[in-house]
């Protein structure tokens, strides 16, 4: 979404982002990052603040996911709700999501 603000100095182009587009761009960034298991991270956005939920294999992945999300235009903050999960649980979760099944 683009908006034009008119002030004393004339029109100014102001870029604003809606939450859905921020969510889509952060999700794309996480999925394309080779250091993250993007299939186990869910992205939600409210008023520009991104919440990352799900499971990662190590604390370093959570820190990296935070850094990746913060590089996306329009993100004003990141809330991490990522848990460290055993490798076998993440492997099963990723496999079921690739097949289109839901994890129970």
PDB file of N, CA and C in Angstrom:
ATOM      1  N   UNK A   1       0.847  -1.146   0.000  1.00  0.00           N
ATOM      2  CA  UNK A   1       0.000   0.000   0.000  1.00  0.00           C
ATOM      3  C   UNK A   1       0.907   1.226   0.000  1.00  0.00           C
ATOM      4  N   UNK A   2       0.643   2.165  -0.862  1.00  0.00           N
ATOM      5  CA  UNK A   2       1.384   3.423  -0.906  1.00  0.00           C
ATOM      6  C   UNK A   2       0.438   4.559  -0.569  1.00  0.00           C
ATOM      7  N   UNK A   3       0.965   5.530   0.132  1.00  0.00           N
ATOM      8  CA  UNK A   3       0.161   6.694   0.476  1.00  0.00           C
ATOM      9  C   UNK A   3       0.965   7.939   0.154  1.00  0.00           C
ATOM     10  N   UNK A   4       0.269   8.996  -0.179  1.00  0.00           N
ATOM     11  CA  UNK A   4       0.933  10.270  -0.438  1.00  0.00           C
ATOM     12  C   UNK A   4       0.476  11.253   0.622  1.00  0.00           C
ATOM     13  N   UNK A   5       1.441  11.812   1.332  1.00  0.00           N
ATOM     14  CA  UNK A   5       1.128  12.800   2.358  1.00  0.00           C
ATOM     15  C   UNK A   5       1.477  14.176   1.804  1.00  0.00           C
ATOM     16  N   UNK A   6       0.598  15.131   1.999  1.00  0.00           N
ATOM     17  CA  UNK A   6       0.840  16.490   1.528  1.00  0.00           C
ATOM     18  C   UNK A   6       1.059  17.369   2.750  1.00  0.00           C
ATOM     19  N   UNK A   7       2.213  17.999   2.782  1.00  0.00           N
ATOM     20  CA  UNK A   7       2.543  18.873   3.901  1.00  0.00           C
ATOM     21  C   UNK A   7       2.958  20.235   3.387  1.00  0.00           C
ATOM     22  N   UNK A   8       3.546  21.017   4.256  1.00  0.00           N
ATOM     23  CA  UNK A   8       3.960  22.373   3.913  1.00  0.00           C
ATOM     24  C   UNK A   8       5.013  22.391   2.814  1.00  0.00           C
ATOM     25  N   UNK A   9       5.787  21.330   2.702  1.00  0.00           N
ATOM     26  CA  UNK A   9       6.857  21.271   1.704  1.00  0.00           C
ATOM     27  C   UNK A   9       6.421  20.561   0.431  1.00  0.00           C
ATOM     28  N   UNK A  10       5.153  20.241   0.292  1.00  0.00           N
ATOM     29  CA  UNK A  10       4.662  19.561  -0.896  1.00  0.00           C
ATOM     30  C   UNK A  10       4.412  18.092  -0.630  1.00  0.00           C
ATOM     31  N   UNK A  11       4.037  17.336  -1.673  1.00  0.00           N
ATOM     32  CA  UNK A  11       3.707  15.921  -1.484  1.00  0.00           C
ATOM     33  C   UNK A  11       4.951  15.092  -1.152  1.00  0.00           C
ATOM     34  N   UNK A  12       4.761  14.124  -0.296  1.00  0.00           N
ATOM     35  CA  UNK A  12       5.815  13.206   0.105  1.00  0.00           C
ATOM     36  C   UNK A  12       5.278  11.788  -0.045  1.00  0.00           C
ATOM     37  N   UNK A  13       6.086  10.935  -0.636  1.00  0.00           N
ATOM     38  CA  UNK A  13       5.683   9.544  -0.789  1.00  0.00           C
ATOM     39  C   UNK A  13       5.986   8.806   0.509  1.00  0.00           C
ATOM     40  N   UNK A  14       4.955   8.217   1.102  1.00  0.00           N
ATOM     41  CA  UNK A  14       5.093   7.480   2.343  1.00  0.00           C
ATOM     42  C   UNK A  14       4.748   6.029   2.042  1.00  0.00           C
ATOM     43  N   UNK A  15       5.643   5.136   2.398  1.00  0.00           N
ATOM     44  CA  UNK A  15       5.382   3.718   2.179  1.00  0.00           C
ATOM     45  C   UNK A  15       4.875   3.102   3.470  1.00  0.00           C
ATOM     46  N   UNK A  16       3.720   2.446   3.399  1.00  0.00           N
ATOM     47  CA  UNK A  16       3.196   1.715   4.534  1.00  0.00           C
ATOM     48  C   UNK A  16       2.952   0.278   4.089  1.00  0.00           C
ATOM     49  N   UNK A  17       2.996  -0.617   5.023  1.00  0.00           N
ATOM     50  CA  UNK A  17       2.816  -2.030   4.714  1.00  0.00           C
ATOM     51  C   UNK A  17       1.676  -2.577   5.554  1.00  0.00           C
ATOM     52  N   UNK A  18       0.839  -3.388   4.928  1.00  0.00           N
ATOM     53  CA  UNK A  18      -0.207  -4.025   5.705  1.00  0.00           C
ATOM     54  C   UNK A  18       0.342  -5.331   6.287  1.00  0.00           C
ATOM     55  N   UNK A  19      -0.289  -5.795   7.337  1.00  0.00           N
ATOM     56  CA  UNK A  19       0.192  -6.971   8.048  1.00  0.00           C
ATOM     57  C   UNK A  19       0.268  -8.210   7.158  1.00  0.00           C
ATOM     58  N   UNK A  20      -0.689  -8.380   6.256  1.00  0.00           N
ATOM     59  CA  UNK A  20      -0.678  -9.561   5.388  1.00  0.00           C
ATOM     60  C   UNK A  20       0.553  -9.581   4.486  1.00  0.00           C
ATOM     61  N   UNK A  21       0.928  -8.431   3.941  1.00  0.00           N
ATOM     62  CA  UNK A  21       2.097  -8.402   3.066  1.00  0.00           C
ATOM     63  C   UNK A  21       3.382  -8.598   3.868  1.00  0.00           C
ATOM     64  N   UNK A  22       3.430  -8.078   5.095  1.00  0.00           N
ATOM     65  CA  UNK A  22       4.592  -8.310   5.951  1.00  0.00           C
ATOM     66  C   UNK A  22       4.708  -9.803   6.258  1.00  0.00           C
ATOM     67  N   UNK A  23       3.605 -10.428   6.632  1.00  0.00           N
ATOM     68  CA  UNK A  23       3.608 -11.862   6.918  1.00  0.00           C
ATOM     69  C   UNK A  23       4.107 -12.655   5.720  1.00  0.00           C
ATOM     70  N   UNK A  24       3.619 -12.326   4.543  1.00  0.00           N
ATOM     71  CA  UNK A  24       4.031 -13.044   3.335  1.00  0.00           C
ATOM     72  C   UNK A  24       5.522 -12.872   3.066  1.00  0.00           C
ATOM     73  N   UNK A  25       6.025 -11.662   3.233  1.00  0.00           N
ATOM     74  CA  UNK A  25       7.446 -11.416   2.941  1.00  0.00           C
ATOM     75  C   UNK A  25       8.358 -12.053   3.982  1.00  0.00           C
ATOM     76  N   UNK A  26       7.958 -12.031   5.254  1.00  0.00           N
ATOM     77  CA  UNK A  26       8.765 -12.686   6.287  1.00  0.00           C
ATOM     78  C   UNK A  26       8.748 -14.201   6.077  1.00  0.00           C
ATOM     79  N   UNK A  27       7.584 -14.757   5.770  1.00  0.00           N
ATOM     80  CA  UNK A  27       7.486 -16.193   5.504  1.00  0.00           C
ATOM     81  C   UNK A  27       8.394 -16.582   4.347  1.00  0.00           C
ATOM     82  N   UNK A  28       8.363 -15.819   3.286  1.00  0.00           N
ATOM     83  CA  UNK A  28       9.211 -16.098   2.116  1.00  0.00           C
ATOM     84  C   UNK A  28      10.693 -16.029   2.491  1.00  0.00           C
ATOM     85  N   UNK A  29      11.058 -15.042   3.303  1.00  0.00           N
ATOM     86  CA  UNK A  29      12.455 -14.896   3.722  1.00  0.00           C
ATOM     87  C   UNK A  29      12.903 -16.091   4.562  1.00  0.00           C
ATOM     88  N   UNK A  30      12.046 -16.551   5.453  1.00  0.00           N
ATOM     89  CA  UNK A  30      12.385 -17.695   6.301  1.00  0.00           C
ATOM     90  C   UNK A  30      12.466 -18.974   5.479  1.00  0.00           C
ATOM     91  N   UNK A  31      11.500 -19.171   4.582  1.00  0.00           N
ATOM     92  CA  UNK A  31      11.510 -20.381   3.747  1.00  0.00           C
ATOM     93  C   UNK A  31      12.722 -20.443   2.833  1.00  0.00           C
ATOM     94  N   UNK A  32      13.216 -19.298   2.401  1.00  0.00           N
ATOM     95  CA  UNK A  32      14.340 -19.298   1.469  1.00  0.00           C
ATOM     96  C   UNK A  32      15.697 -19.282   2.172  1.00  0.00           C
ATOM     97  N   UNK A  33      15.701 -19.189   3.496  1.00  0.00           N
ATOM     98  CA  UNK A  33      16.965 -19.158   4.229  1.00  0.00           C
ATOM     99  C   UNK A  33      17.450 -20.579   4.498  1.00  0.00           C
ATOM    100  N   UNK A  34      18.650 -20.921   4.027  1.00  0.00           N
ATOM    101  CA  UNK A  34      19.142 -22.296   4.184  1.00  0.00           C
ATOM    102  C   UNK A  34      19.462 -22.675   5.627  1.00  0.00           C
ATOM    103  N   UNK A  35      19.594 -21.721   6.524  1.00  0.00           N
ATOM    104  CA  UNK A  35      19.917 -22.030   7.913  1.00  0.00           C
ATOM    105  C   UNK A  35      18.678 -22.303   8.772  1.00  0.00           C
ATOM    106  N   UNK A  36      17.493 -22.093   8.210  1.00  0.00           N
ATOM    107  CA  UNK A  36      16.257 -22.266   8.970  1.00  0.00           C
ATOM    108  C   UNK A  36      15.423 -23.401   8.408  1.00  0.00           C
ATOM    109  N   UNK A  37      14.697 -24.049   9.269  1.00  0.00           N
ATOM    110  CA  UNK A  37      13.716 -25.036   8.842  1.00  0.00           C
ATOM    111  C   UNK A  37      12.397 -24.295   8.748  1.00  0.00           C
ATOM    112  N   UNK A  38      12.193 -23.579   7.648  1.00  0.00           N
ATOM    113  CA  UNK A  38      11.038 -22.710   7.492  1.00  0.00           C
ATOM    114  C   UNK A  38       9.709 -23.401   7.624  1.00  0.00           C
ATOM    115  N   UNK A  39       9.669 -24.704   7.379  1.00  0.00           N
ATOM    116  CA  UNK A  39       8.401 -25.410   7.475  1.00  0.00           C
ATOM    117  C   UNK A  39       7.912 -25.560   8.911  1.00  0.00           C
ATOM    118  N   UNK A  40       8.764 -25.337   9.896  1.00  0.00           N
ATOM    119  CA  UNK A  40       8.347 -25.482  11.287  1.00  0.00           C
ATOM    120  C   UNK A  40       8.151 -24.131  11.972  1.00  0.00           C
ATOM    121  N   UNK A  41       8.191 -23.038  11.217  1.00  0.00           N
ATOM    122  CA  UNK A  41       8.015 -21.701  11.776  1.00  0.00           C
ATOM    123  C   UNK A  41       6.778 -21.057  11.164  1.00  0.00           C
ATOM    124  N   UNK A  42       5.897 -20.580  12.027  1.00  0.00           N
ATOM    125  CA  UNK A  42       4.688 -19.891  11.589  1.00  0.00           C
ATOM    126  C   UNK A  42       4.867 -18.399  11.851  1.00  0.00           C
ATOM    127  N   UNK A  43       4.418 -17.584  10.906  1.00  0.00           N
ATOM    128  CA  UNK A  43       4.572 -16.135  10.999  1.00  0.00           C
ATOM    129  C   UNK A  43       3.196 -15.487  11.100  1.00  0.00           C
ATOM    130  N   UNK A  44       3.015 -14.625  12.078  1.00  0.00           N
ATOM    131  CA  UNK A  44       1.806 -13.815  12.218  1.00  0.00           C
ATOM    132  C   UNK A  44       2.252 -12.376  12.441  1.00  0.00           C
ATOM    133  N   UNK A  45       1.452 -11.433  11.957  1.00  0.00           N
ATOM    134  CA  UNK A  45       1.810 -10.023  12.092  1.00  0.00           C
ATOM    135  C   UNK A  45       0.607  -9.229  12.578  1.00  0.00           C
ATOM    136  N   UNK A  46       0.852  -8.338  13.524  1.00  0.00           N
ATOM    137  CA  UNK A  46      -0.174  -7.438  14.020  1.00  0.00           C
ATOM    138  C   UNK A  46       0.462  -6.074  14.214  1.00  0.00           C
ATOM    139  N   UNK A  47      -0.026  -5.100  13.469  1.00  0.00           N
ATOM    140  CA  UNK A  47       0.480  -3.720  13.537  1.00  0.00           C
ATOM    141  C   UNK A  47       1.986  -3.654  13.316  1.00  0.00           C
ATOM    142  N   UNK A  48       2.475  -4.490  12.400  1.00  0.00           N
ATOM    143  CA  UNK A  48       3.890  -4.475  12.045  1.00  0.00           C
ATOM    144  C   UNK A  48       4.786  -5.304  12.942  1.00  0.00           C
ATOM    145  N   UNK A  49       4.234  -5.805  14.042  1.00  0.00           N
ATOM    146  CA  UNK A  49       5.018  -6.668  14.932  1.00  0.00           C
ATOM    147  C   UNK A  49       4.802  -8.116  14.519  1.00  0.00           C
ATOM    148  N   UNK A  50       5.894  -8.782  14.207  1.00  0.00           N
ATOM    149  CA  UNK A  50       5.868 -10.157  13.726  1.00  0.00           C
ATOM    150  C   UNK A  50       6.045 -11.102  14.912  1.00  0.00           C
ATOM    151  N   UNK A  51       5.197 -12.128  14.972  1.00  0.00           N
ATOM    152  CA  UNK A  51       5.341 -13.176  15.972  1.00  0.00           C
ATOM    153  C   UNK A  51       5.734 -14.456  15.255  1.00  0.00           C
ATOM    154  N   UNK A  52       6.850 -15.037  15.675  1.00  0.00           N
ATOM    155  CA  UNK A  52       7.333 -16.298  15.106  1.00  0.00           C
ATOM    156  C   UNK A  52       7.059 -17.398  16.121  1.00  0.00           C
ATOM    157  N   UNK A  53       6.282 -18.407  15.717  1.00  0.00           N
ATOM    158  CA  UNK A  53       5.979 -19.534  16.584  1.00  0.00           C
ATOM    159  C   UNK A  53       6.399 -20.816  15.882  1.00  0.00           C
ATOM    160  N   UNK A  54       6.605 -21.851  16.663  1.00  0.00           N
ATOM    161  CA  UNK A  54       6.976 -23.138  16.101  1.00  0.00           C
ATOM    162  C   UNK A  54       8.181 -23.706  16.816  1.00  0.00           C
ATOM    163  N   UNK A  55       8.889 -24.568  16.101  1.00  0.00           N
ATOM    164  CA  UNK A  55      10.016 -25.262  16.694  1.00  0.00           C
ATOM    165  C   UNK A  55      11.241 -25.159  15.804  1.00  0.00           C
ATOM    166  N   UNK A  56      12.387 -25.047  16.449  1.00  0.00           N
ATOM    167  CA  UNK A  56      13.675 -25.020  15.768  1.00  0.00           C
ATOM    168  C   UNK A  56      14.572 -26.057  16.435  1.00  0.00           C
ATOM    169  N   UNK A  57      15.692 -26.369  15.798  1.00  0.00           N
ATOM    170  CA  UNK A  57      16.602 -27.384  16.331  1.00  0.00           C
ATOM    171  C   UNK A  57      17.565 -26.824  17.380  1.00  0.00           C
ATOM    172  N   UNK A  58      17.850 -25.526  17.314  1.00  0.00           N
ATOM    173  CA  UNK A  58      18.839 -24.934  18.220  1.00  0.00           C
ATOM    174  C   UNK A  58      18.509 -23.468  18.464  1.00  0.00           C
ATOM    175  N   UNK A  59      19.017 -22.961  19.588  1.00  0.00           N
ATOM    176  CA  UNK A  59      18.781 -21.557  19.932  1.00  0.00           C
ATOM    177  C   UNK A  59      19.319 -20.618  18.849  1.00  0.00           C
ATOM    178  N   UNK A  60      20.416 -21.004  18.210  1.00  0.00           N
ATOM    179  CA  UNK A  60      20.996 -20.177  17.154  1.00  0.00           C
ATOM    180  C   UNK A  60      20.014 -19.978  16.000  1.00  0.00           C
ATOM    181  N   UNK A  61      19.192 -20.993  15.714  1.00  0.00           N
ATOM    182  CA  UNK A  61      18.186 -20.839  14.658  1.00  0.00           C
ATOM    183  C   UNK A  61      17.130 -19.818  15.066  1.00  0.00           C
ATOM    184  N   UNK A  62      16.747 -19.795  16.323  1.00  0.00           N
ATOM    185  CA  UNK A  62      15.766 -18.808  16.793  1.00  0.00           C
ATOM    186  C   UNK A  62      16.329 -17.401  16.658  1.00  0.00           C
ATOM    187  N   UNK A  63      17.573 -17.228  17.051  1.00  0.00           N
ATOM    188  CA  UNK A  63      18.228 -15.915  16.938  1.00  0.00           C
ATOM    189  C   UNK A  63      18.331 -15.517  15.465  1.00  0.00           C
ATOM    190  N   UNK A  64      18.665 -16.470  14.605  1.00  0.00           N
ATOM    191  CA  UNK A  64      18.785 -16.177  13.173  1.00  0.00           C
ATOM    192  C   UNK A  64      17.414 -15.838  12.571  1.00  0.00           C
ATOM    193  N   UNK A  65      16.362 -16.560  12.980  1.00  0.00           N
ATOM    194  CA  UNK A  65      15.010 -16.271  12.486  1.00  0.00           C
ATOM    195  C   UNK A  65      14.600 -14.852  12.863  1.00  0.00           C
ATOM    196  N   UNK A  66      14.928 -14.430  14.069  1.00  0.00           N
ATOM    197  CA  UNK A  66      14.658 -13.066  14.512  1.00  0.00           C
ATOM    198  C   UNK A  66      15.366 -12.071  13.597  1.00  0.00           C
ATOM    199  N   UNK A  67      16.639 -12.323  13.315  1.00  0.00           N
ATOM    200  CA  UNK A  67      17.414 -11.411  12.462  1.00  0.00           C
ATOM    201  C   UNK A  67      16.854 -11.360  11.046  1.00  0.00           C
ATOM    202  N   UNK A  68      16.462 -12.506  10.507  1.00  0.00           N
ATOM    203  CA  UNK A  68      15.893 -12.552   9.151  1.00  0.00           C
ATOM    204  C   UNK A  68      14.595 -11.752   9.107  1.00  0.00           C
ATOM    205  N   UNK A  69      13.727 -11.941  10.089  1.00  0.00           N
ATOM    206  CA  UNK A  69      12.445 -11.221  10.112  1.00  0.00           C
ATOM    207  C   UNK A  69      12.661  -9.714  10.189  1.00  0.00           C
ATOM    208  N   UNK A  70      13.634  -9.281  10.960  1.00  0.00           N
ATOM    209  CA  UNK A  70      13.881  -7.847  11.135  1.00  0.00           C
ATOM    210  C   UNK A  70      14.411  -7.172   9.869  1.00  0.00           C
ATOM    211  N   UNK A  71      14.915  -7.950   8.904  1.00  0.00           N
ATOM    212  CA  UNK A  71      15.415  -7.354   7.664  1.00  0.00           C
ATOM    213  C   UNK A  71      14.291  -7.006   6.694  1.00  0.00           C
ATOM    214  N   UNK A  72      13.085  -7.474   6.949  1.00  0.00           N
ATOM    215  CA  UNK A  72      11.962  -7.262   6.034  1.00  0.00           C
ATOM    216  C   UNK A  72      11.372  -5.871   6.266  1.00  0.00           C
ATOM    217  N   UNK A  73      11.207  -5.124   5.180  1.00  0.00           N
ATOM    218  CA  UNK A  73      10.614  -3.784   5.270  1.00  0.00           C
ATOM    219  C   UNK A  73       9.231  -3.850   5.899  1.00  0.00           C
ATOM    220  N   UNK A  74       8.970  -2.925   6.793  1.00  0.00           N
ATOM    221  CA  UNK A  74       7.671  -2.830   7.436  1.00  0.00           C
ATOM    222  C   UNK A  74       7.615  -3.493   8.798  1.00  0.00           C
ATOM    223  N   UNK A  75       8.591  -4.337   9.126  1.00  0.00           N
ATOM    224  CA  UNK A  75       8.610  -4.998  10.430  1.00  0.00           C
ATOM    225  C   UNK A  75       9.073  -3.981  11.473  1.00  0.00           C
ATOM    226  N   UNK A  76       8.241  -3.784  12.493  1.00  0.00           N
ATOM    227  CA  UNK A  76       8.593  -2.835  13.549  1.00  0.00           C
ATOM    228  C   UNK A  76       9.104  -3.542  14.799  1.00  0.00           C
ATOM    229  N   UNK A  77       8.872  -4.822  14.895  1.00  0.00           N
ATOM    230  CA  UNK A  77       9.350  -5.601  16.031  1.00  0.00           C
ATOM    231  C   UNK A  77       9.116  -7.072  15.784  1.00  0.00           C
ATOM    232  N   UNK A  78       9.813  -7.908  16.556  1.00  0.00           N
ATOM    233  CA  UNK A  78       9.670  -9.354  16.428  1.00  0.00           C
ATOM    234  C   UNK A  78       9.497  -9.946  17.818  1.00  0.00           C
ATOM    235  N   UNK A  79       8.499 -10.799  17.956  1.00  0.00           N
ATOM    236  CA  UNK A  79       8.284 -11.544  19.191  1.00  0.00           C
ATOM    237  C   UNK A  79       8.561 -13.012  18.885  1.00  0.00           C
ATOM    238  N   UNK A  80       9.517 -13.579  19.609  1.00  0.00           N
ATOM    239  CA  UNK A  80       9.885 -14.980  19.394  1.00  0.00           C
ATOM    240  C   UNK A  80       9.124 -15.877  20.349  1.00  0.00           C
ATOM    241  N   UNK A  81       8.441 -16.840  19.782  1.00  0.00           N
ATOM    242  CA  UNK A  81       7.780 -17.888  20.555  1.00  0.00           C
ATOM    243  C   UNK A  81       8.208 -19.241  19.999  1.00  0.00           C
ATOM    244  N   UNK A  82       9.495 -19.351  19.719  1.00  0.00           N
ATOM    245  CA  UNK A  82      10.055 -20.564  19.141  1.00  0.00           C
ATOM    246  C   UNK A  82      10.583 -21.462  20.249  1.00  0.00           C
ATOM    247  N   UNK A  83      10.332 -22.766  20.111  1.00  0.00           N
ATOM    248  CA  UNK A  83      10.809 -23.749  21.073  1.00  0.00           C
ATOM    249  C   UNK A  83      11.894 -24.599  20.430  1.00  0.00           C
ATOM    250  N   UNK A  84      12.801 -25.074  21.251  1.00  0.00           N
ATOM    251  CA  UNK A  84      13.820 -26.008  20.797  1.00  0.00           C
ATOM    252  C   UNK A  84      13.184 -27.395  20.864  1.00  0.00           C
ATOM    253  N   UNK A  85      13.195 -28.112  19.743  1.00  0.00           N
ATOM    254  CA  UNK A  85      12.557 -29.429  19.673  1.00  0.00           C
ATOM    255  C   UNK A  85      13.593 -30.487  19.331  1.00  0.00           C
ATOM    256  N   UNK A  86      13.346 -31.717  19.748  1.00  0.00           N
ATOM    257  CA  UNK A  86      14.230 -32.811  19.352  1.00  0.00           C
ATOM    258  C   UNK A  86      14.229 -32.975  17.832  1.00  0.00           C
ATOM    259  N   UNK A  87      15.361 -33.368  17.276  1.00  0.00           N
ATOM    260  CA  UNK A  87      15.484 -33.531  15.828  1.00  0.00           C
ATOM    261  C   UNK A  87      14.444 -34.474  15.249  1.00  0.00           C
ATOM    262  N   UNK A  88      14.148 -35.587  15.923  1.00  0.00           N
ATOM    263  CA  UNK A  88      13.205 -36.549  15.357  1.00  0.00           C
ATOM    264  C   UNK A  88      11.801 -35.965  15.250  1.00  0.00           C
ATOM    265  N   UNK A  89      11.399 -35.109  16.181  1.00  0.00           N
ATOM    266  CA  UNK A  89      10.081 -34.475  16.116  1.00  0.00           C
ATOM    267  C   UNK A  89      10.010 -33.509  14.939  1.00  0.00           C
ATOM    268  N   UNK A  90      11.060 -32.720  14.741  1.00  0.00           N
ATOM    269  CA  UNK A  90      11.075 -31.774  13.615  1.00  0.00           C
ATOM    270  C   UNK A  90      11.111 -32.498  12.285  1.00  0.00           C
ATOM    271  N   UNK A  91      11.849 -33.602  12.197  1.00  0.00           N
ATOM    272  CA  UNK A  91      11.901 -34.356  10.943  1.00  0.00           C
ATOM    273  C   UNK A  91      10.512 -34.886  10.579  1.00  0.00           C
ATOM    274  N   UNK A  92       9.785 -35.414  11.556  1.00  0.00           N
ATOM    275  CA  UNK A  92       8.435 -35.918  11.303  1.00  0.00           C
ATOM    276  C   UNK A  92       7.486 -34.784  10.941  1.00  0.00           C
ATOM    277  N   UNK A  93       7.615 -33.647  11.618  1.00  0.00           N
ATOM    278  CA  UNK A  93       6.763 -32.486  11.329  1.00  0.00           C
ATOM    279  C   UNK A  93       6.995 -31.988   9.912  1.00  0.00           C
ATOM    280  N   UNK A  94       8.254 -31.824   9.523  1.00  0.00           N
ATOM    281  CA  UNK A  94       8.571 -31.339   8.179  1.00  0.00           C
ATOM    282  C   UNK A  94       8.070 -32.306   7.117  1.00  0.00           C
ATOM    283  N   UNK A  95       8.249 -33.587   7.336  1.00  0.00           N
ATOM    284  CA  UNK A  95       7.804 -34.588   6.360  1.00  0.00           C
ATOM    285  C   UNK A  95       6.291 -34.561   6.205  1.00  0.00           C
ATOM    286  N   UNK A  96       5.558 -34.441   7.322  1.00  0.00           N
ATOM    287  CA  UNK A  96       4.095 -34.435   7.226  1.00  0.00           C
ATOM    288  C   UNK A  96       3.591 -33.183   6.531  1.00  0.00           C
ATOM    289  N   UNK A  97       4.240 -32.055   6.738  1.00  0.00           N
ATOM    290  CA  UNK A  97       3.817 -30.817   6.074  1.00  0.00           C
ATOM    291  C   UNK A  97       4.117 -30.858   4.583  1.00  0.00           C
ATOM    292  N   UNK A  98       5.219 -31.495   4.210  1.00  0.00           N
ATOM    293  CA  UNK A  98       5.525 -31.617   2.777  1.00  0.00           C
ATOM    294  C   UNK A  98       4.480 -32.475   2.078  1.00  0.00           C
ATOM    295  N   UNK A  99       3.934 -33.453   2.800  1.00  0.00           N
ATOM    296  CA  UNK A  99       2.893 -34.315   2.221  1.00  0.00           C
ATOM    297  C   UNK A  99       1.515 -33.665   2.300  1.00  0.00           C
ATOM    298  N   UNK A 100       1.392 -32.542   3.002  1.00  0.00           N
ATOM    299  CA  UNK A 100       0.104 -31.857   3.101  1.00  0.00           C
ATOM    300  C   UNK A 100      -0.734 -32.335   4.277  1.00  0.00           C
ATOM    301  N   UNK A 101      -0.159 -33.152   5.140  1.00  0.00           N
ATOM    302  CA  UNK A 101      -0.898 -33.637   6.304  1.00  0.00           C
ATOM    303  C   UNK A 101      -0.741 -32.650   7.445  1.00  0.00           C
ATOM    304  N   UNK A 102      -1.650 -32.714   8.396  1.00  0.00           N
ATOM    305  CA  UNK A 102      -1.528 -31.869   9.586  1.00  0.00           C
ATOM    306  C   UNK A 102      -0.932 -32.703  10.713  1.00  0.00           C
ATOM    307  N   UNK A 103      -0.101 -32.075  11.520  1.00  0.00           N
ATOM    308  CA  UNK A 103       0.561 -32.751  12.625  1.00  0.00           C
ATOM    309  C   UNK A 103      -0.359 -32.778  13.814  1.00  0.00           C
ATOM    310  N   UNK A 104      -0.536 -33.909  14.412  1.00  0.00           N
ATOM    311  CA  UNK A 104      -1.402 -34.057  15.584  1.00  0.00           C
ATOM    312  C   UNK A 104      -0.567 -34.312  16.816  1.00  0.00           C
TER     313      UNK A 104
END
